[in-house]
N, C-alpha and C. Protein backbone atom coordinates (compact mmCIF):
# COMPACT_ATOMS: atom_id res chain seq x y z
N MET A 1 -16.74 37.93 59.24
CA MET A 1 -16.79 36.55 59.02
C MET A 1 -16.24 36.08 60.48
N SER A 2 -16.86 34.67 60.82
CA SER A 2 -16.84 34.41 62.12
C SER A 2 -15.24 33.45 62.09
N GLU A 3 -14.59 33.12 63.26
CA GLU A 3 -13.32 32.58 63.04
C GLU A 3 -13.66 30.90 62.50
N THR A 4 -14.57 30.32 62.62
CA THR A 4 -15.08 28.99 62.28
C THR A 4 -15.32 29.01 60.71
N ALA A 5 -16.11 29.98 60.52
CA ALA A 5 -16.18 29.93 58.85
C ALA A 5 -15.12 30.32 58.23
N LYS A 6 -14.19 31.11 58.64
CA LYS A 6 -12.69 31.20 58.03
C LYS A 6 -11.71 29.84 58.11
N ASN A 7 -11.78 29.33 59.16
CA ASN A 7 -11.18 27.62 59.24
C ASN A 7 -12.04 26.92 58.31
N GLU A 8 -13.25 26.70 57.58
CA GLU A 8 -13.71 25.98 57.01
C GLU A 8 -13.40 26.42 55.81
N TRP A 9 -13.34 27.53 55.33
CA TRP A 9 -12.87 28.05 53.94
C TRP A 9 -11.40 27.93 53.77
N LEU A 10 -10.39 27.91 54.55
CA LEU A 10 -9.20 27.04 54.73
C LEU A 10 -9.08 25.96 54.19
N GLU A 11 -9.78 24.95 55.07
CA GLU A 11 -9.82 23.70 54.91
C GLU A 11 -10.43 23.23 53.42
N TRP A 12 -11.24 23.94 52.94
CA TRP A 12 -11.66 23.64 51.81
C TRP A 12 -10.78 24.27 50.60
N LEU A 13 -10.14 25.31 50.98
CA LEU A 13 -8.97 25.86 49.94
C LEU A 13 -7.73 24.56 49.94
N LYS A 14 -7.37 24.09 50.98
CA LYS A 14 -6.54 23.08 51.48
C LYS A 14 -6.66 21.76 50.35
N ALA A 15 -7.89 21.60 50.56
CA ALA A 15 -8.49 20.40 49.92
C ALA A 15 -8.43 20.55 48.33
N ILE A 16 -8.96 21.65 47.73
CA ILE A 16 -8.83 21.81 46.57
C ILE A 16 -7.50 21.98 45.86
N VAL A 17 -6.55 22.53 46.75
CA VAL A 17 -4.88 22.67 46.03
C VAL A 17 -4.33 21.21 46.22
N ILE A 18 -4.59 20.26 47.26
CA ILE A 18 -4.13 19.00 47.21
C ILE A 18 -4.79 18.37 46.20
N ALA A 19 -6.00 18.51 45.65
CA ALA A 19 -6.57 17.59 44.81
C ALA A 19 -6.19 18.08 43.22
N ILE A 20 -6.10 19.51 43.15
CA ILE A 20 -5.14 19.82 42.08
C ILE A 20 -3.77 19.41 41.79
N VAL A 21 -2.98 19.38 43.07
CA VAL A 21 -1.51 18.95 42.84
C VAL A 21 -1.80 17.39 42.62
N LEU A 22 -2.39 16.57 43.42
CA LEU A 22 -2.67 15.31 43.04
C LEU A 22 -2.89 15.03 41.35
N ALA A 23 -3.53 15.73 41.32
CA ALA A 23 -4.35 15.31 39.35
C ALA A 23 -3.13 15.56 38.55
N PHE A 24 -2.17 16.99 38.88
CA PHE A 24 -1.27 17.01 38.00
C PHE A 24 -0.21 16.11 38.05
N THR A 25 0.19 15.57 39.29
CA THR A 25 0.99 14.59 39.36
C THR A 25 0.89 13.35 38.71
N LEU A 26 -0.45 12.90 38.90
CA LEU A 26 -1.01 11.69 38.20
C LEU A 26 -0.69 12.00 36.88
N ARG A 27 -1.40 12.92 36.48
CA ARG A 27 -1.41 13.35 34.61
C ARG A 27 0.10 13.30 34.33
N THR A 28 1.24 14.01 34.92
CA THR A 28 2.25 14.02 34.59
C THR A 28 3.40 13.06 34.46
N PHE A 29 3.27 12.31 35.50
CA PHE A 29 4.37 11.21 35.81
C PHE A 29 3.62 9.96 35.68
N PHE A 30 1.94 9.57 35.85
CA PHE A 30 1.54 8.32 35.76
C PHE A 30 0.65 7.89 35.08
N PHE A 31 -0.28 8.69 34.51
CA PHE A 31 -1.36 8.44 33.43
C PHE A 31 -1.99 9.54 32.59
N ALA A 32 -1.60 9.17 31.35
CA ALA A 32 -2.65 10.42 30.56
C ALA A 32 -3.41 10.01 29.59
N THR A 33 -4.00 10.81 28.39
CA THR A 33 -5.10 10.32 27.60
C THR A 33 -4.50 10.91 26.37
N SER A 34 -5.01 9.82 25.40
CA SER A 34 -4.71 10.13 24.22
C SER A 34 -5.99 9.93 23.18
N ILE A 35 -5.99 10.93 22.25
CA ILE A 35 -7.28 10.18 21.41
C ILE A 35 -6.98 9.49 20.06
N VAL A 36 -7.33 8.35 19.68
CA VAL A 36 -6.72 7.86 18.40
C VAL A 36 -7.61 8.67 17.33
N GLU A 37 -6.60 8.69 16.18
CA GLU A 37 -6.93 9.36 14.98
C GLU A 37 -6.41 8.60 13.87
N GLY A 38 -7.62 8.39 13.15
CA GLY A 38 -7.20 7.54 11.98
C GLY A 38 -7.85 5.98 12.09
N ALA A 39 -7.82 5.13 11.05
CA ALA A 39 -8.09 3.61 11.18
C ALA A 39 -6.95 2.67 11.18
N SER A 40 -5.84 3.24 11.73
CA SER A 40 -4.72 2.33 11.29
C SER A 40 -4.78 0.98 12.34
N MET A 41 -5.71 1.41 13.65
CA MET A 41 -5.95 0.27 14.62
C MET A 41 -7.03 -0.37 14.66
N ASP A 42 -7.99 -0.11 13.80
CA ASP A 42 -9.11 -0.78 13.78
C ASP A 42 -9.02 -1.99 13.59
N PRO A 43 -9.74 -3.29 14.17
CA PRO A 43 -10.89 -2.73 14.90
C PRO A 43 -10.52 -2.70 16.66
N THR A 44 -9.46 -3.21 16.77
CA THR A 44 -9.04 -3.02 18.11
C THR A 44 -9.37 -1.61 18.67
N LEU A 45 -9.11 -0.48 18.23
CA LEU A 45 -9.15 0.74 18.61
C LEU A 45 -9.85 1.60 17.47
N GLU A 46 -10.82 2.40 17.44
CA GLU A 46 -11.48 2.93 16.33
C GLU A 46 -11.21 4.62 16.65
N SER A 47 -10.84 5.33 15.26
CA SER A 47 -10.70 6.92 15.21
C SER A 47 -11.92 7.64 16.16
N GLY A 48 -10.99 8.34 17.27
CA GLY A 48 -12.25 9.27 17.95
C GLY A 48 -12.35 8.71 19.01
N GLU A 49 -11.58 7.58 19.71
CA GLU A 49 -11.83 6.94 20.69
C GLU A 49 -10.72 7.63 21.67
N ARG A 50 -10.90 7.82 23.03
CA ARG A 50 -10.03 8.42 24.04
C ARG A 50 -9.63 6.97 24.83
N VAL A 51 -8.40 7.21 24.93
CA VAL A 51 -7.40 5.90 25.86
C VAL A 51 -6.60 6.51 26.60
N MET A 52 -6.62 5.71 27.78
CA MET A 52 -5.71 6.12 28.90
C MET A 52 -4.46 5.35 29.03
N PHE A 53 -3.22 5.89 28.80
CA PHE A 53 -2.11 5.21 28.93
C PHE A 53 -1.42 5.49 30.25
N ASN A 54 -0.66 4.33 30.41
CA ASN A 54 0.22 4.39 31.52
C ASN A 54 1.62 4.80 31.09
N LYS A 55 2.19 6.04 31.75
CA LYS A 55 3.36 6.58 31.38
C LYS A 55 4.44 5.77 32.41
N ILE A 56 4.22 5.46 33.30
CA ILE A 56 5.28 4.83 34.18
C ILE A 56 5.79 3.12 33.94
N ILE A 57 5.00 2.52 33.25
CA ILE A 57 5.24 1.50 33.32
C ILE A 57 6.68 0.89 32.85
N TYR A 58 7.11 1.42 31.42
CA TYR A 58 8.37 1.35 30.93
C TYR A 58 9.62 1.93 31.81
N TYR A 59 9.38 2.65 32.92
CA TYR A 59 10.53 3.12 33.66
C TYR A 59 10.83 1.65 34.72
N LEU A 60 9.43 0.95 34.53
CA LEU A 60 9.78 -0.65 35.63
C LEU A 60 10.00 -1.51 34.81
N ASP A 61 9.67 -1.57 33.41
CA ASP A 61 9.44 -2.95 32.68
C ASP A 61 10.00 -2.51 31.29
N GLU A 62 10.17 -3.56 30.52
CA GLU A 62 10.14 -3.13 29.15
C GLU A 62 8.99 -3.41 28.23
N PRO A 63 9.08 -2.74 27.11
CA PRO A 63 7.92 -2.98 26.40
C PRO A 63 7.78 -4.69 25.74
N GLU A 64 6.58 -4.96 25.90
CA GLU A 64 6.56 -6.46 25.18
C GLU A 64 5.96 -6.61 23.99
N ARG A 65 5.89 -7.81 23.02
CA ARG A 65 5.35 -7.79 22.16
C ARG A 65 4.01 -8.14 22.03
N GLY A 66 2.98 -7.40 21.05
CA GLY A 66 1.71 -7.54 21.15
C GLY A 66 0.94 -6.35 22.09
N GLU A 67 1.69 -5.45 22.76
CA GLU A 67 1.36 -4.42 23.59
C GLU A 67 1.26 -3.26 22.90
N ILE A 68 0.08 -2.58 22.86
CA ILE A 68 -0.24 -1.36 22.36
C ILE A 68 0.32 -0.25 22.95
N VAL A 69 1.31 0.76 22.20
CA VAL A 69 1.78 1.76 22.85
C VAL A 69 1.50 3.09 22.28
N ILE A 70 2.11 4.29 23.03
CA ILE A 70 1.63 5.55 22.47
C ILE A 70 3.23 5.75 21.99
N ILE A 71 3.42 6.44 21.06
CA ILE A 71 4.71 6.56 20.27
C ILE A 71 4.79 8.18 19.96
N ASP A 72 5.94 8.96 20.77
CA ASP A 72 5.85 10.08 20.66
C ASP A 72 7.18 10.54 19.58
N ARG A 73 6.40 11.32 18.38
CA ARG A 73 7.27 12.10 17.35
C ARG A 73 7.13 13.27 17.23
N PRO A 74 8.34 14.05 16.73
CA PRO A 74 8.37 15.32 16.94
C PRO A 74 6.86 15.99 16.21
N LEU A 75 6.04 15.53 15.31
CA LEU A 75 5.19 16.30 14.91
C LEU A 75 3.78 15.98 15.05
N LYS A 76 3.82 14.48 15.56
CA LYS A 76 2.65 13.90 16.14
C LYS A 76 3.08 12.44 16.84
N SER A 77 1.79 12.19 17.70
CA SER A 77 1.92 10.77 18.63
C SER A 77 1.26 9.71 17.58
N TYR A 78 1.52 8.42 17.51
CA TYR A 78 0.89 7.29 17.06
C TYR A 78 0.79 6.11 18.35
N VAL A 79 -0.27 5.52 17.89
CA VAL A 79 -0.81 4.62 18.65
C VAL A 79 -0.72 3.42 17.84
N LYS A 80 0.37 2.44 18.26
CA LYS A 80 0.54 0.93 17.50
C LYS A 80 0.81 -0.09 18.66
N ARG A 81 0.85 -1.20 17.77
CA ARG A 81 1.24 -2.73 18.55
C ARG A 81 2.50 -3.03 18.34
N ILE A 82 3.48 -3.13 19.20
CA ILE A 82 4.59 -3.90 19.31
C ILE A 82 4.55 -5.28 18.57
N ILE A 83 5.06 -5.32 17.75
CA ILE A 83 5.34 -6.53 16.84
C ILE A 83 6.82 -7.09 16.97
N GLY A 84 7.97 -6.54 17.05
CA GLY A 84 9.30 -6.93 16.84
C GLY A 84 10.04 -6.15 17.85
N LEU A 85 10.76 -7.25 18.87
CA LEU A 85 11.76 -6.82 19.95
C LEU A 85 12.98 -6.56 19.47
N PRO A 86 14.01 -5.41 20.35
CA PRO A 86 15.49 -5.55 19.75
C PRO A 86 15.61 -6.90 19.79
N ASN A 87 16.75 -6.74 18.32
CA ASN A 87 17.62 -7.90 17.82
C ASN A 87 16.71 -9.24 16.98
N GLU A 88 15.67 -9.06 17.20
CA GLU A 88 14.70 -10.00 16.48
C GLU A 88 14.57 -9.59 15.36
N THR A 89 14.35 -11.07 14.33
CA THR A 89 14.07 -10.81 12.88
C THR A 89 12.78 -10.57 12.16
N VAL A 90 11.89 -10.14 11.93
CA VAL A 90 10.74 -9.88 11.61
C VAL A 90 10.67 -10.00 10.01
N GLU A 91 9.72 -10.83 9.70
CA GLU A 91 9.30 -11.38 8.23
C GLU A 91 7.67 -11.89 8.00
N ILE A 92 7.31 -11.11 7.20
CA ILE A 92 5.78 -11.26 6.70
C ILE A 92 5.92 -11.86 5.47
N ARG A 93 5.39 -13.14 5.44
CA ARG A 93 5.38 -14.11 4.03
C ARG A 93 4.13 -14.83 3.85
N ASP A 94 3.46 -14.58 3.04
CA ASP A 94 2.28 -15.38 2.65
C ASP A 94 1.36 -14.81 3.71
N HIS A 95 1.16 -13.46 3.78
CA HIS A 95 0.13 -13.02 4.83
C HIS A 95 0.21 -13.38 6.32
N GLU A 96 1.40 -14.06 6.85
CA GLU A 96 1.87 -14.63 8.02
C GLU A 96 2.88 -13.96 8.71
N LEU A 97 3.19 -13.51 10.05
CA LEU A 97 4.12 -12.99 10.16
C LEU A 97 4.91 -13.73 11.06
N TYR A 98 6.43 -13.77 11.18
CA TYR A 98 7.51 -14.52 11.43
C TYR A 98 8.05 -13.68 12.15
N ILE A 99 8.60 -14.20 13.53
CA ILE A 99 9.49 -13.77 14.21
C ILE A 99 10.75 -14.81 14.83
N ASN A 100 11.92 -14.34 13.95
CA ASN A 100 12.74 -15.25 14.45
C ASN A 100 12.43 -16.68 13.39
N GLY A 101 12.01 -16.50 12.58
CA GLY A 101 11.66 -17.43 11.62
C GLY A 101 10.32 -18.52 12.14
N LYS A 102 9.68 -18.30 13.35
CA LYS A 102 8.62 -18.69 14.00
C LYS A 102 7.29 -18.02 13.63
N LYS A 103 6.50 -18.72 13.30
CA LYS A 103 5.01 -18.41 12.67
C LYS A 103 4.48 -17.69 13.94
N GLN A 104 3.84 -16.52 13.52
CA GLN A 104 3.12 -16.10 15.31
C GLN A 104 1.46 -16.00 14.91
N LYS A 105 1.09 -16.26 16.26
CA LYS A 105 -0.62 -16.54 16.34
C LYS A 105 -1.13 -14.76 16.45
N GLN A 106 -1.69 -14.28 15.94
CA GLN A 106 -2.27 -12.88 15.88
C GLN A 106 -3.69 -12.80 16.31
N SER A 107 -4.05 -12.93 17.07
CA SER A 107 -5.53 -13.21 17.75
C SER A 107 -6.36 -12.09 17.60
N TYR A 108 -5.54 -10.99 17.81
CA TYR A 108 -6.23 -9.61 17.93
C TYR A 108 -6.74 -9.10 16.56
N LEU A 109 -6.14 -10.18 15.22
CA LEU A 109 -6.45 -9.52 13.87
C LEU A 109 -7.84 -10.29 13.45
N LYS A 110 -8.49 -9.37 12.80
CA LYS A 110 -9.48 -10.23 11.82
C LYS A 110 -8.71 -10.78 10.44
N ASP A 111 -9.77 -11.48 10.08
CA ASP A 111 -9.14 -12.51 8.76
C ASP A 111 -8.69 -11.45 7.74
N GLN A 112 -9.49 -10.38 7.51
CA GLN A 112 -9.54 -9.45 6.55
C GLN A 112 -8.06 -8.59 6.86
N ALA A 113 -7.81 -8.34 7.79
CA ALA A 113 -6.32 -7.65 8.20
C ALA A 113 -5.39 -8.79 7.80
N ILE A 114 -5.40 -10.11 8.18
CA ILE A 114 -4.19 -10.73 7.90
C ILE A 114 -4.06 -11.23 6.22
N GLN A 115 -5.34 -10.86 5.58
CA GLN A 115 -5.34 -11.06 4.27
C GLN A 115 -4.62 -9.67 3.71
N GLU A 116 -4.82 -8.72 4.17
CA GLU A 116 -4.08 -7.35 3.71
C GLU A 116 -2.84 -7.06 4.24
N THR A 117 -1.91 -7.90 4.77
CA THR A 117 -0.82 -7.93 5.03
C THR A 117 0.49 -8.48 3.96
N MET A 118 1.06 -7.61 3.51
CA MET A 118 1.77 -8.08 2.04
C MET A 118 2.91 -8.42 2.57
N ASP A 119 3.65 -9.02 2.04
CA ASP A 119 4.99 -9.87 2.38
C ASP A 119 5.92 -8.35 3.00
N TYR A 120 6.58 -8.82 3.50
CA TYR A 120 7.90 -7.54 4.12
C TYR A 120 9.07 -8.57 4.82
N GLY A 121 10.08 -7.73 4.51
CA GLY A 121 11.33 -8.56 5.25
C GLY A 121 11.95 -9.56 4.48
N PRO A 122 13.00 -10.28 5.16
CA PRO A 122 13.11 -9.99 6.89
C PRO A 122 14.08 -9.08 7.17
N VAL A 123 13.92 -8.45 8.33
CA VAL A 123 14.52 -7.52 8.84
C VAL A 123 15.05 -7.54 10.32
N LYS A 124 15.95 -7.47 10.72
CA LYS A 124 16.63 -7.45 11.77
C LYS A 124 16.54 -6.16 13.00
N VAL A 125 15.64 -5.83 13.66
CA VAL A 125 15.56 -5.30 14.46
C VAL A 125 16.43 -4.49 15.41
N PRO A 126 17.09 -3.60 15.55
CA PRO A 126 18.26 -2.81 15.88
C PRO A 126 18.10 -2.90 17.53
N GLU A 127 19.34 -3.01 17.88
CA GLU A 127 19.20 -2.81 19.63
C GLU A 127 18.54 -1.35 20.02
N GLY A 128 17.89 -1.40 20.91
CA GLY A 128 17.61 -0.25 21.55
C GLY A 128 16.12 0.11 20.78
N HIS A 129 15.60 -0.81 19.54
CA HIS A 129 14.55 -0.18 18.99
C HIS A 129 13.56 -1.49 18.93
N TYR A 130 12.30 -0.84 18.38
CA TYR A 130 11.19 -1.84 18.20
C TYR A 130 10.27 -1.87 16.79
N PHE A 131 9.66 -2.80 16.46
CA PHE A 131 8.89 -2.79 15.01
C PHE A 131 7.66 -2.90 15.40
N VAL A 132 6.74 -2.06 14.98
CA VAL A 132 5.48 -1.64 15.40
C VAL A 132 4.27 -1.65 14.14
N MET A 133 3.45 -2.06 14.04
CA MET A 133 2.42 -2.32 13.25
C MET A 133 1.16 -2.01 13.81
N GLY A 134 0.14 -1.45 12.86
CA GLY A 134 -1.22 -0.96 13.28
C GLY A 134 -1.97 -2.17 13.00
N ASP A 135 -3.08 -2.31 13.93
CA ASP A 135 -3.94 -3.83 13.43
C ASP A 135 -4.82 -3.61 12.21
N ASN A 136 -4.82 -2.49 11.23
CA ASN A 136 -5.57 -2.47 10.02
C ASN A 136 -4.33 -2.34 9.06
N ARG A 137 -3.91 -3.64 9.03
CA ARG A 137 -2.25 -3.80 8.07
C ARG A 137 -2.63 -3.29 6.96
N GLY A 138 -3.71 -3.00 6.07
CA GLY A 138 -3.67 -2.91 4.57
C GLY A 138 -3.39 -1.18 4.84
N ILE A 139 -3.74 -0.32 5.49
CA ILE A 139 -3.71 1.20 5.49
C ILE A 139 -2.37 1.71 6.72
N SER A 140 -2.07 0.93 7.63
CA SER A 140 -1.48 1.30 8.51
C SER A 140 0.22 2.15 8.37
N LYS A 141 0.21 3.23 8.77
CA LYS A 141 1.73 3.72 8.56
C LYS A 141 2.46 3.24 9.81
N ASP A 142 3.48 2.56 9.50
CA ASP A 142 4.35 2.02 10.54
C ASP A 142 5.66 1.77 10.16
N SER A 143 5.96 0.53 11.02
CA SER A 143 7.58 0.10 11.03
C SER A 143 7.84 -0.32 9.51
N ARG A 144 6.93 -0.59 8.50
CA ARG A 144 7.13 -1.18 7.54
C ARG A 144 7.25 -0.02 6.38
N ASN A 145 6.72 1.25 6.59
CA ASN A 145 6.66 1.96 5.85
C ASN A 145 5.96 3.43 6.30
N GLY A 146 7.20 3.88 6.93
CA GLY A 146 6.95 5.46 7.10
C GLY A 146 7.63 5.70 8.66
N LEU A 147 7.17 4.97 9.45
CA LEU A 147 7.78 5.12 10.73
C LEU A 147 9.29 4.60 11.11
N GLY A 148 9.32 3.58 10.37
CA GLY A 148 10.81 2.86 10.51
C GLY A 148 10.60 2.18 12.11
N TYR A 149 12.00 1.62 12.22
CA TYR A 149 12.23 1.50 13.86
C TYR A 149 12.07 2.64 14.81
N ILE A 150 11.32 2.14 15.89
CA ILE A 150 10.76 2.92 16.93
C ILE A 150 12.02 2.98 17.96
N LYS A 151 12.69 3.71 18.47
CA LYS A 151 13.51 4.00 19.49
C LYS A 151 12.64 3.80 20.73
N GLU A 152 13.57 3.50 21.77
CA GLU A 152 13.09 2.95 23.38
C GLU A 152 12.22 4.19 24.03
N ASN A 153 13.34 4.98 23.70
CA ASN A 153 12.73 6.62 24.70
C ASN A 153 11.48 7.20 23.87
N GLU A 154 11.34 6.75 22.39
CA GLU A 154 10.12 7.12 21.82
C GLU A 154 8.75 6.83 22.58
N ILE A 155 8.53 5.28 23.14
CA ILE A 155 7.61 4.82 23.53
C ILE A 155 7.34 5.47 25.02
N ILE A 156 6.26 6.15 25.28
CA ILE A 156 5.89 7.15 26.26
C ILE A 156 5.01 6.28 26.98
N GLY A 157 4.17 5.52 26.69
CA GLY A 157 3.29 4.49 27.44
C GLY A 157 2.70 3.74 26.87
N ARG A 158 1.98 2.64 27.54
CA ARG A 158 1.40 1.54 27.02
C ARG A 158 -0.63 2.03 27.40
N THR A 159 -1.17 1.65 26.26
CA THR A 159 -2.63 1.98 26.37
C THR A 159 -3.10 1.09 27.70
N GLU A 160 -3.87 1.25 28.11
CA GLU A 160 -4.65 0.41 29.40
C GLU A 160 -6.13 0.34 29.22
N LEU A 161 -6.60 1.52 28.75
CA LEU A 161 -8.22 1.25 28.86
C LEU A 161 -8.70 2.44 27.68
N ILE A 162 -9.87 2.10 27.22
CA ILE A 162 -10.87 2.90 26.26
C ILE A 162 -11.66 3.45 27.39
N ILE A 163 -11.66 4.92 27.37
CA ILE A 163 -12.38 5.76 28.47
C ILE A 163 -13.39 6.62 27.87
N TYR A 164 -13.62 6.61 26.39
CA TYR A 164 -14.68 7.40 25.73
C TYR A 164 -14.68 7.14 24.23
N PRO A 165 -15.85 6.41 23.49
CA PRO A 165 -16.90 6.64 24.43
C PRO A 165 -17.00 5.58 25.69
N LEU A 166 -18.21 6.08 26.22
CA LEU A 166 -18.40 5.31 27.37
C LEU A 166 -18.96 4.05 27.20
N ASP A 167 -19.87 3.72 25.88
CA ASP A 167 -19.93 2.15 25.69
C ASP A 167 -18.77 1.29 25.09
N LYS A 168 -17.73 1.84 24.91
CA LYS A 168 -16.57 0.96 24.55
C LYS A 168 -15.63 0.96 25.67
N TRP A 169 -15.86 1.49 26.79
CA TRP A 169 -15.31 1.44 28.30
C TRP A 169 -14.72 0.16 28.37
N GLY A 170 -13.27 -0.13 28.61
CA GLY A 170 -13.03 -1.65 28.91
C GLY A 170 -11.08 -1.34 27.99
N LEU A 171 -10.52 -2.32 28.61
CA LEU A 171 -9.15 -2.89 28.52
C LEU A 171 -8.99 -2.71 27.03
N THR A 172 -7.83 -2.21 26.64
CA THR A 172 -7.48 -2.44 25.28
C THR A 172 -6.75 -3.34 24.67
N ARG A 173 -5.96 -4.64 25.42
CA ARG A 173 -5.61 -5.33 24.98
C ARG A 173 -6.57 -6.53 24.18
């Protein structure tokens, strides 16, 4: 093998190693994917869709109401929407959501989901915790019934886009 061919192989090998290291770094520290399981986030996210989530955002900023987040629990990860922030009072009365006594607009919900939202609370979200709900309120396992309050360190990322199926490609907000 000539010296030129060896150099070309070495350059290709370096490029492949750099690409693998870069992909690993991005996947580990910045972005990852998750598959939506179940119908609790319908119609925003449907079962089987693959979403990309931002893992670094909450090192730089705090979660905000309305964001769709990935929650890491020991047996399973969940995709839910943040409803209540630390120290806020959450109440659902007559199918309407109230935060600290103020009625909230939930433009991301369909009328059916609003009608399926049963009375709950009022409850005060503890310091360092969040109150989350699925968009399909009638069937969602969330802070009202099973998940409880979500610790800040259990939120591992904010969903950014649907990447599969390709016809659903786009932002998740």
